[in-house]
Amino acid sequence: MKYRIRLDTLTDVNKFVKIATGYPGRITLTDGDNFTVNGKSLLGAMYTMEWDQVYCESDKEIYHLIKDFVDEE
């Protein structure tokens, strides 16, 4: 599954990583083109704050976990 998300503040990043680390499957964050980082990595998630777009990809449906971060626009 792939969702466009927003991680605008360090609080957002911390909340997202806390949720991601509690999930047993694979979660990655990508800009859609060049960069991919582990979604369970605090440092990796902080790095995404520099990207224009951030997508969360997972091996299973996790919308119910990350719905607060999904960019619906």
N, C-alpha and C. Protein backbone atom coordinates (compact mmCIF):
# COMPACT_ATOMS: atom_id res chain seq x y z
N MET A 1 0.84 -1.17 0.00
CA MET A 1 0.00 0.00 0.00
C MET A 1 0.89 1.24 0.00
N LYS A 2 0.42 2.28 -0.66
CA LYS A 2 1.20 3.51 -0.75
C LYS A 2 0.30 4.70 -0.51
N TYR A 3 0.71 5.58 0.42
CA TYR A 3 -0.04 6.78 0.76
C TYR A 3 0.90 7.97 0.81
N ARG A 4 0.42 9.09 0.29
CA ARG A 4 1.16 10.34 0.45
C ARG A 4 0.88 10.85 1.85
N ILE A 5 1.94 11.19 2.58
CA ILE A 5 1.79 11.63 3.96
C ILE A 5 2.49 12.96 4.16
N ARG A 6 2.23 13.56 5.31
CA ARG A 6 2.89 14.80 5.71
C ARG A 6 3.53 14.59 7.08
N LEU A 7 4.80 14.90 7.15
CA LEU A 7 5.54 14.91 8.41
C LEU A 7 6.16 16.30 8.52
N ASP A 8 5.41 17.25 9.06
CA ASP A 8 5.81 18.65 9.05
C ASP A 8 6.64 19.08 10.26
N THR A 9 6.45 18.40 11.38
CA THR A 9 7.15 18.81 12.61
C THR A 9 7.87 17.61 13.21
N LEU A 10 8.76 17.89 14.14
CA LEU A 10 9.44 16.80 14.84
C LEU A 10 8.45 15.98 15.66
N THR A 11 7.40 16.61 16.14
CA THR A 11 6.36 15.88 16.86
C THR A 11 5.68 14.88 15.93
N ASP A 12 5.39 15.31 14.69
CA ASP A 12 4.81 14.40 13.70
C ASP A 12 5.75 13.22 13.45
N VAL A 13 7.02 13.51 13.27
CA VAL A 13 8.01 12.46 13.00
C VAL A 13 8.06 11.48 14.16
N ASN A 14 8.12 11.97 15.38
CA ASN A 14 8.17 11.09 16.55
C ASN A 14 6.93 10.21 16.66
N LYS A 15 5.76 10.79 16.44
CA LYS A 15 4.52 10.02 16.51
C LYS A 15 4.49 8.95 15.41
N PHE A 16 4.88 9.34 14.19
CA PHE A 16 4.88 8.39 13.09
C PHE A 16 5.82 7.22 13.36
N VAL A 17 7.03 7.51 13.79
CA VAL A 17 8.02 6.45 14.04
C VAL A 17 7.55 5.54 15.18
N LYS A 18 6.93 6.10 16.19
CA LYS A 18 6.40 5.28 17.29
C LYS A 18 5.34 4.31 16.77
N ILE A 19 4.46 4.79 15.90
CA ILE A 19 3.44 3.92 15.30
C ILE A 19 4.10 2.86 14.42
N ALA A 20 5.05 3.29 13.59
CA ALA A 20 5.71 2.38 12.64
C ALA A 20 6.49 1.29 13.36
N THR A 21 7.17 1.62 14.44
CA THR A 21 7.96 0.61 15.14
C THR A 21 7.08 -0.42 15.83
N GLY A 22 5.83 -0.07 16.11
CA GLY A 22 4.91 -1.02 16.70
C GLY A 22 4.28 -1.97 15.68
N TYR A 23 4.49 -1.68 14.41
CA TYR A 23 3.94 -2.51 13.33
C TYR A 23 4.96 -3.58 12.96
N PRO A 24 4.57 -4.85 12.91
CA PRO A 24 5.54 -5.92 12.66
C PRO A 24 6.03 -6.03 11.21
N GLY A 25 5.36 -5.41 10.27
CA GLY A 25 5.75 -5.52 8.86
C GLY A 25 6.71 -4.44 8.42
N ARG A 26 6.94 -4.40 7.10
CA ARG A 26 7.86 -3.44 6.49
C ARG A 26 7.14 -2.12 6.23
N ILE A 27 7.78 -1.01 6.61
CA ILE A 27 7.29 0.32 6.30
C ILE A 27 8.47 1.13 5.79
N THR A 28 8.31 1.74 4.62
CA THR A 28 9.35 2.61 4.08
C THR A 28 8.75 3.96 3.73
N LEU A 29 9.62 4.96 3.72
CA LEU A 29 9.24 6.30 3.30
C LEU A 29 10.04 6.62 2.05
N THR A 30 9.39 7.18 1.06
CA THR A 30 10.05 7.48 -0.20
C THR A 30 9.58 8.82 -0.74
N ASP A 31 10.42 9.43 -1.56
CA ASP A 31 10.01 10.67 -2.22
C ASP A 31 9.34 10.37 -3.56
N GLY A 32 9.27 9.10 -3.91
CA GLY A 32 8.64 8.68 -5.15
C GLY A 32 9.58 8.53 -6.32
N ASP A 33 10.80 9.07 -6.20
CA ASP A 33 11.74 9.03 -7.30
C ASP A 33 13.11 8.47 -6.93
N ASN A 34 13.78 9.16 -6.03
CA ASN A 34 15.20 8.88 -5.79
C ASN A 34 15.53 8.29 -4.43
N PHE A 35 14.80 8.65 -3.40
CA PHE A 35 15.20 8.31 -2.04
C PHE A 35 14.18 7.41 -1.36
N THR A 36 14.69 6.47 -0.58
CA THR A 36 13.86 5.60 0.24
C THR A 36 14.57 5.38 1.57
N VAL A 37 13.82 5.50 2.67
CA VAL A 37 14.37 5.27 3.99
C VAL A 37 13.44 4.35 4.78
N ASN A 38 13.97 3.74 5.80
CA ASN A 38 13.19 2.88 6.68
C ASN A 38 12.22 3.75 7.47
N GLY A 39 10.94 3.45 7.42
CA GLY A 39 9.92 4.21 8.13
C GLY A 39 9.97 4.04 9.63
N LYS A 40 10.75 3.08 10.10
CA LYS A 40 10.88 2.85 11.54
C LYS A 40 12.12 3.54 12.12
N SER A 41 12.84 4.26 11.26
CA SER A 41 14.06 4.95 11.65
C SER A 41 13.76 6.42 11.96
N LEU A 42 14.05 6.84 13.17
CA LEU A 42 13.84 8.24 13.54
C LEU A 42 14.68 9.16 12.67
N LEU A 43 15.93 8.82 12.47
CA LEU A 43 16.80 9.65 11.64
C LEU A 43 16.31 9.68 10.19
N GLY A 44 15.90 8.53 9.66
CA GLY A 44 15.39 8.47 8.30
C GLY A 44 14.13 9.31 8.14
N ALA A 45 13.21 9.22 9.10
CA ALA A 45 11.97 10.00 9.02
C ALA A 45 12.25 11.50 9.14
N MET A 46 13.24 11.87 9.94
CA MET A 46 13.61 13.28 10.04
C MET A 46 14.14 13.78 8.70
N TYR A 47 14.87 12.95 8.00
CA TYR A 47 15.43 13.30 6.70
C TYR A 47 14.33 13.64 5.69
N THR A 48 13.18 12.99 5.81
CA THR A 48 12.09 13.22 4.85
C THR A 48 11.49 14.62 4.97
N MET A 49 11.74 15.31 6.06
CA MET A 49 11.21 16.66 6.22
C MET A 49 11.77 17.62 5.17
N GLU A 50 12.86 17.24 4.53
CA GLU A 50 13.48 18.05 3.47
C GLU A 50 12.87 17.78 2.10
N TRP A 51 12.09 16.74 1.96
CA TRP A 51 11.54 16.34 0.67
C TRP A 51 10.28 17.14 0.36
N ASP A 52 10.02 17.31 -0.94
CA ASP A 52 8.79 17.99 -1.38
C ASP A 52 7.57 17.11 -1.16
N GLN A 53 7.73 15.80 -1.41
CA GLN A 53 6.64 14.85 -1.24
C GLN A 53 7.16 13.65 -0.46
N VAL A 54 6.32 13.10 0.40
CA VAL A 54 6.68 11.90 1.16
C VAL A 54 5.57 10.88 1.00
N TYR A 55 5.96 9.67 0.64
CA TYR A 55 5.01 8.56 0.52
C TYR A 55 5.40 7.48 1.51
N CYS A 56 4.39 6.90 2.13
CA CYS A 56 4.59 5.77 3.03
C CYS A 56 4.17 4.51 2.27
N GLU A 57 5.06 3.54 2.22
CA GLU A 57 4.76 2.27 1.57
C GLU A 57 4.88 1.16 2.61
N SER A 58 3.96 0.21 2.53
CA SER A 58 3.99 -0.92 3.46
C SER A 58 3.56 -2.19 2.74
N ASP A 59 3.91 -3.32 3.36
CA ASP A 59 3.57 -4.60 2.76
C ASP A 59 2.11 -4.98 2.97
N LYS A 60 1.44 -4.31 3.92
CA LYS A 60 0.03 -4.58 4.20
C LYS A 60 -0.70 -3.26 4.40
N GLU A 61 -2.00 -3.32 4.48
CA GLU A 61 -2.83 -2.13 4.68
C GLU A 61 -2.60 -1.56 6.08
N ILE A 62 -2.17 -0.28 6.15
CA ILE A 62 -1.92 0.35 7.45
C ILE A 62 -2.61 1.71 7.57
N TYR A 63 -3.55 1.99 6.68
CA TYR A 63 -4.22 3.29 6.71
C TYR A 63 -4.75 3.60 8.11
N HIS A 64 -5.35 2.63 8.76
CA HIS A 64 -5.93 2.86 10.09
C HIS A 64 -4.88 3.30 11.11
N LEU A 65 -3.62 2.98 10.87
CA LEU A 65 -2.54 3.37 11.78
C LEU A 65 -2.01 4.77 11.47
N ILE A 66 -1.95 5.13 10.18
CA ILE A 66 -1.31 6.38 9.77
C ILE A 66 -2.28 7.43 9.25
N LYS A 67 -3.57 7.24 9.44
CA LYS A 67 -4.57 8.13 8.85
C LYS A 67 -4.38 9.59 9.24
N ASP A 68 -3.82 9.87 10.41
CA ASP A 68 -3.61 11.24 10.84
C ASP A 68 -2.52 11.95 10.01
N PHE A 69 -1.69 11.17 9.33
CA PHE A 69 -0.58 11.73 8.54
C PHE A 69 -0.87 11.74 7.04
N VAL A 70 -1.92 11.06 6.61
CA VAL A 70 -2.22 10.93 5.18
C VAL A 70 -2.66 12.30 4.65
N ASP A 71 -2.04 12.69 3.53
CA ASP A 71 -2.37 13.94 2.85
C ASP A 71 -3.47 13.64 1.84
N GLU A 72 -4.68 14.06 2.13
CA GLU A 72 -5.85 13.75 1.31
C GLU A 72 -5.97 14.64 0.08
N GLU A 73 -5.13 15.66 -0.06
CA GLU A 73 -5.23 16.59 -1.19
C GLU A 73 -4.75 15.98 -2.47
